[in-house]
Amino acid sequence: MAEGHIRREAVSDQLFALLRDRILGGELPAGAALTPERELAAGFGVNRHAVREAVKRLQQARLVEVSHGGRTQVLDWRRTAGLDLAVGIAAADTGPTVQDIARDALEMRACIGADAARLCALRCSADTAARITAAAERHARTGPDLTELDDTYVAWWRLIIEGSGNIAYLLAFNSLVDGMIPVADVPADLGAAEILDVEAHRRLAAHIAAREAGAAEELARELLTRSVPGAPRGCEGVRR
């Protein structure tokens, strides 16, 4: 493929991003052989060490596979890549849009949060349930500063996720909170419907404390789905 020279600063990062975007955009389709390191280095005007580092990152992201014979083959990222690629997808000029990834991340958050609430009701200790109830009350007393409200809301959900005893859910939660899985700004009306519903938080905490797993799951899903753009609103107003 025809290559052009790239900037000299952070060469391996630039090369990784360029090749990643070509894979995500389909210019380098699954099953295709990646251009050999020597040719990539010559085409971009960089040293082979930078190329090797870029290819190593592609391999770690499960975008390519390097065979024992040295041939590097492009993989079908939809079948091989992990959640860490969400950042790359959102940054790419081709492939799914930031809005698509943000919506998908919010849908995933709702699914994880709902099941975590269910598991928390089944598994958490009495002490954890009491802390969740106290955190809901602390959130209710916070405000009107939205930043403070967001902080107490995240802290409350962290207790629920930890109480679920599911380490995979906890790691996904950390990635969402830290921005590793991109979530675009939620429209103000949708975010407010979720964060400011103090009574829903209290009821969810009560369901968990009472070991009402089904009710906790249903309410958590309804609450978290409010922030998903375009999501059906038929569940709003659920009261248990």
Protein backbone atom coordinates (compact mmCIF):
# COMPACT_ATOMS: atom_id res chain seq x y z
CA MET A 1 0.00 0.00 0.00
CA ALA A 2 1.19 3.52 -0.74
CA GLU A 3 2.66 5.17 2.32
CA GLY A 4 3.58 8.71 3.29
CA HIS A 5 5.97 10.08 5.88
CA ILE A 6 4.58 10.87 9.31
CA ARG A 7 5.68 13.23 12.05
CA ARG A 8 8.78 12.31 14.03
CA GLU A 9 7.36 12.80 17.51
CA ALA A 10 5.75 9.75 19.18
CA VAL A 11 6.33 7.81 15.98
CA SER A 12 5.17 4.43 17.23
CA ASP A 13 1.98 5.95 18.67
CA GLN A 14 1.19 7.66 15.40
CA LEU A 15 1.87 4.54 13.39
CA PHE A 16 -0.25 2.41 15.72
CA ALA A 17 -3.17 4.85 15.44
CA LEU A 18 -2.88 5.01 11.66
CA LEU A 19 -2.83 1.24 11.22
CA ARG A 20 -5.57 0.79 13.82
CA ASP A 21 -7.81 3.22 11.95
CA ARG A 22 -7.20 1.40 8.67
CA ILE A 23 -8.20 -1.88 10.29
CA LEU A 24 -11.31 -0.42 11.94
CA GLY A 25 -12.31 1.32 8.74
CA GLY A 26 -11.91 -1.82 6.63
CA GLU A 27 -9.03 -0.55 4.50
CA LEU A 28 -7.07 -3.43 5.99
CA PRO A 29 -9.73 -6.18 6.02
CA ALA A 30 -9.74 -9.27 8.21
CA GLY A 31 -7.50 -11.96 6.75
CA ALA A 32 -5.24 -9.52 4.93
CA ALA A 33 -1.52 -9.65 5.50
CA LEU A 34 -0.03 -6.57 7.11
CA THR A 35 2.81 -5.02 5.14
CA PRO A 36 6.16 -6.41 6.40
CA GLU A 37 8.04 -4.33 8.98
CA ARG A 38 10.85 -3.44 6.61
CA GLU A 39 8.43 -2.06 4.02
CA LEU A 40 6.40 -0.18 6.61
CA ALA A 41 9.57 1.43 7.96
CA ALA A 42 10.67 2.46 4.48
CA GLY A 43 7.21 3.67 3.48
CA PHE A 44 6.74 5.86 6.53
CA GLY A 45 10.36 6.93 6.83
CA VAL A 46 10.77 5.57 10.36
CA ASN A 47 13.05 3.03 11.99
CA ARG A 48 12.01 -0.60 12.38
CA HIS A 49 11.92 -0.32 16.17
CA ALA A 50 9.00 2.12 15.93
CA VAL A 51 7.23 -0.22 13.51
CA ARG A 52 7.84 -3.17 15.80
CA GLU A 53 6.38 -1.28 18.76
CA ALA A 54 3.30 -0.28 16.75
CA VAL A 55 2.73 -3.85 15.56
CA LYS A 56 3.18 -5.11 19.12
CA ARG A 57 0.40 -2.79 20.28
CA LEU A 58 -1.82 -3.96 17.42
CA GLN A 59 -1.17 -7.52 18.54
CA GLN A 60 -1.96 -6.70 22.19
CA ALA A 61 -5.24 -5.10 21.07
CA ARG A 62 -6.03 -8.32 19.16
CA LEU A 63 -6.19 -6.46 15.85
CA VAL A 64 -3.46 -8.57 14.25
CA GLU A 65 -1.86 -11.95 14.82
CA VAL A 66 1.81 -12.63 14.24
CA SER A 67 2.56 -16.17 13.08
CA HIS A 68 5.75 -18.09 13.83
CA GLY A 69 6.86 -17.51 10.27
CA GLY A 70 6.77 -13.76 10.79
CA ARG A 71 3.63 -13.11 8.75
CA THR A 72 1.27 -10.64 10.40
CA GLN A 73 -2.40 -11.17 9.60
CA VAL A 74 -5.24 -8.73 10.26
CA LEU A 75 -7.93 -10.14 12.56
CA ASP A 76 -11.66 -9.50 12.59
CA TRP A 77 -11.68 -7.03 15.49
CA ARG A 78 -15.40 -7.56 16.11
CA ARG A 79 -14.56 -11.15 17.10
CA THR A 80 -11.18 -10.74 18.79
CA ALA A 81 -10.78 -7.29 20.39
CA GLY A 82 -11.67 -6.40 23.98
CA LEU A 83 -13.29 -3.44 25.70
CA ASP A 84 -10.03 -1.51 25.77
CA LEU A 85 -10.44 -0.97 22.03
CA ALA A 86 -13.48 1.22 22.67
CA VAL A 87 -11.16 4.18 23.20
CA GLY A 88 -9.52 3.54 19.84
CA ILE A 89 -12.81 3.12 18.05
CA ALA A 90 -14.07 6.44 19.38
CA ALA A 91 -10.84 8.19 18.35
CA ALA A 92 -10.73 6.69 14.86
CA ASP A 93 -11.83 8.67 11.83
CA THR A 94 -13.58 5.63 10.42
CA GLY A 95 -15.80 2.88 11.76
CA PRO A 96 -18.40 3.35 14.53
CA THR A 97 -18.96 6.94 15.65
CA VAL A 98 -18.35 8.37 19.11
CA GLN A 99 -22.12 8.67 19.52
CA ASP A 100 -22.59 4.98 18.66
CA ILE A 101 -19.93 3.89 21.15
CA ALA A 102 -21.32 6.19 23.85
CA ARG A 103 -24.83 4.79 23.40
CA ASP A 104 -23.52 1.22 23.45
CA ALA A 105 -21.50 1.94 26.60
CA LEU A 106 -24.56 3.37 28.34
CA GLU A 107 -26.58 0.30 27.37
CA MET A 108 -23.83 -1.93 28.74
CA ARG A 109 -23.75 0.13 31.94
CA ALA A 110 -27.49 -0.41 32.40
CA CYS A 111 -27.16 -4.18 31.92
CA ILE A 112 -24.19 -4.49 34.26
CA GLY A 113 -25.74 -2.22 36.89
CA ALA A 114 -29.03 -4.11 36.88
CA ASP A 115 -27.40 -7.50 37.31
CA ALA A 116 -24.96 -6.14 39.88
CA ALA A 117 -27.89 -4.86 41.94
CA ARG A 118 -29.49 -8.31 41.74
CA LEU A 119 -26.29 -10.05 42.80
CA CYS A 120 -25.67 -7.49 45.52
CA ALA A 121 -29.09 -8.24 47.03
CA LEU A 122 -28.22 -11.94 47.04
CA ARG A 123 -24.59 -11.76 48.15
CA CYS A 124 -23.70 -8.66 50.08
CA SER A 125 -23.18 -8.64 53.82
CA ALA A 126 -25.49 -6.83 56.22
CA ASP A 127 -22.72 -4.28 56.78
CA THR A 128 -22.45 -3.58 53.04
CA ALA A 129 -26.23 -3.24 52.75
CA ALA A 130 -26.18 -0.72 55.58
CA ARG A 131 -23.40 1.24 53.86
CA ILE A 132 -25.40 1.28 50.62
CA THR A 133 -28.42 2.63 52.48
CA ALA A 134 -26.30 5.28 54.20
CA ALA A 135 -24.70 6.25 50.89
CA ALA A 136 -28.14 6.72 49.32
CA GLU A 137 -29.06 9.09 52.17
CA ARG A 138 -25.74 10.93 51.79
CA HIS A 139 -26.47 11.41 48.09
CA ALA A 140 -29.96 12.68 48.96
CA ARG A 141 -28.46 15.36 51.21
CA THR A 142 -25.90 16.47 48.60
CA GLY A 143 -26.38 19.27 46.14
CA PRO A 144 -27.36 21.33 44.36
CA ASP A 145 -23.83 21.22 42.90
CA LEU A 146 -24.00 18.64 40.10
CA THR A 147 -20.32 17.71 40.43
CA GLU A 148 -20.83 16.80 44.08
CA LEU A 149 -23.99 14.90 43.20
CA ASP A 150 -22.15 12.94 40.54
CA ASP A 151 -19.39 12.06 43.02
CA THR A 152 -21.82 10.73 45.63
CA TYR A 153 -23.79 8.88 42.96
CA VAL A 154 -20.66 7.13 41.67
CA ALA A 155 -19.61 6.29 45.24
CA TRP A 156 -23.05 4.75 45.88
CA TRP A 157 -22.90 2.63 42.75
CA ARG A 158 -19.38 1.51 43.59
CA LEU A 159 -20.68 0.01 46.82
CA ILE A 160 -23.37 -1.86 44.87
CA ILE A 161 -20.90 -3.14 42.28
CA GLU A 162 -18.45 -4.24 44.97
CA GLY A 163 -21.31 -5.84 46.88
CA SER A 164 -22.18 -7.94 43.84
CA GLY A 165 -18.93 -9.85 44.29
CA ASN A 166 -18.34 -9.86 40.50
CA ILE A 167 -14.79 -8.75 39.70
CA ALA A 168 -15.51 -8.46 35.96
CA TYR A 169 -18.34 -6.01 36.69
CA LEU A 170 -16.03 -4.04 38.98
CA LEU A 171 -13.34 -3.74 36.31
CA ALA A 172 -15.91 -2.64 33.72
CA PHE A 173 -17.25 -0.09 36.21
CA ASN A 174 -13.73 1.27 36.77
CA SER A 175 -13.25 1.61 33.01
CA LEU A 176 -16.53 3.51 32.66
CA VAL A 177 -15.78 5.84 35.56
CA ASP A 178 -12.21 6.51 34.43
CA GLY A 179 -13.30 7.20 30.86
CA MET A 180 -11.44 4.24 29.36
CA ILE A 181 -14.76 3.23 27.83
CA PRO A 182 -15.96 6.49 26.30
CA VAL A 183 -19.36 7.81 27.28
CA ALA A 184 -20.37 11.09 25.66
CA ASP A 185 -22.05 13.81 27.72
CA VAL A 186 -25.50 12.61 28.63
CA PRO A 187 -28.26 15.13 27.74
CA ALA A 188 -29.08 17.18 30.82
CA ASP A 189 -32.68 16.04 31.06
CA LEU A 190 -31.74 12.37 30.84
CA GLY A 191 -28.89 12.65 33.35
CA ALA A 192 -31.07 14.58 35.79
CA ALA A 193 -33.80 11.95 35.56
CA GLU A 194 -31.28 9.39 36.77
CA ILE A 195 -29.11 11.26 39.26
CA LEU A 196 -31.77 13.41 40.94
CA ASP A 197 -34.32 10.65 41.64
CA VAL A 198 -33.52 10.38 45.32
CA GLU A 199 -36.52 8.21 46.11
CA ALA A 200 -35.50 5.64 43.50
CA HIS A 201 -32.06 5.42 45.12
CA ARG A 202 -33.62 4.90 48.52
CA ARG A 203 -35.94 2.20 47.19
CA LEU A 204 -33.10 0.40 45.45
CA ALA A 205 -31.05 0.44 48.65
CA ALA A 206 -34.08 -0.91 50.53
CA HIS A 207 -34.56 -3.72 47.99
CA ILE A 208 -30.92 -4.72 48.43
CA ALA A 209 -31.15 -4.63 52.22
CA ALA A 210 -34.35 -6.72 52.12
CA ARG A 211 -32.71 -9.25 49.74
CA GLU A 212 -35.33 -8.53 47.07
CA ALA A 213 -33.11 -9.43 44.13
CA GLY A 214 -35.73 -9.26 41.37
CA ALA A 215 -37.06 -5.89 42.46
CA ALA A 216 -33.52 -4.51 42.82
CA GLU A 217 -32.62 -5.64 39.30
CA GLU A 218 -35.77 -4.16 37.75
CA LEU A 219 -35.45 -0.80 39.47
CA ALA A 220 -31.71 -0.52 38.75
CA ARG A 221 -32.29 -1.23 35.05
CA GLU A 222 -35.08 1.34 34.85
CA LEU A 223 -32.95 3.94 36.62
CA LEU A 224 -29.84 3.45 34.50
CA THR A 225 -31.72 3.20 31.21
CA ARG A 226 -32.96 6.76 31.66
CA SER A 227 -29.59 8.10 30.48
CA VAL A 228 -29.52 6.04 27.28
CA PRO A 229 -30.41 8.31 24.33
CA GLY A 230 -33.37 6.94 22.40
CA ALA A 231 -34.18 4.24 24.95
CA PRO A 232 -37.87 3.39 25.45
CA ARG A 233 -39.33 5.27 28.37
CA GLY A 234 -42.10 2.76 29.08
CA CYS A 235 -40.52 1.68 32.36
CA GLU A 236 -40.34 5.15 33.84
CA GLY A 237 -42.42 5.58 36.90
CA VAL A 238 -41.95 2.00 38.07
CA ARG A 239 -42.60 1.93 41.77
CA ARG A 240 -42.11 -1.04 44.01
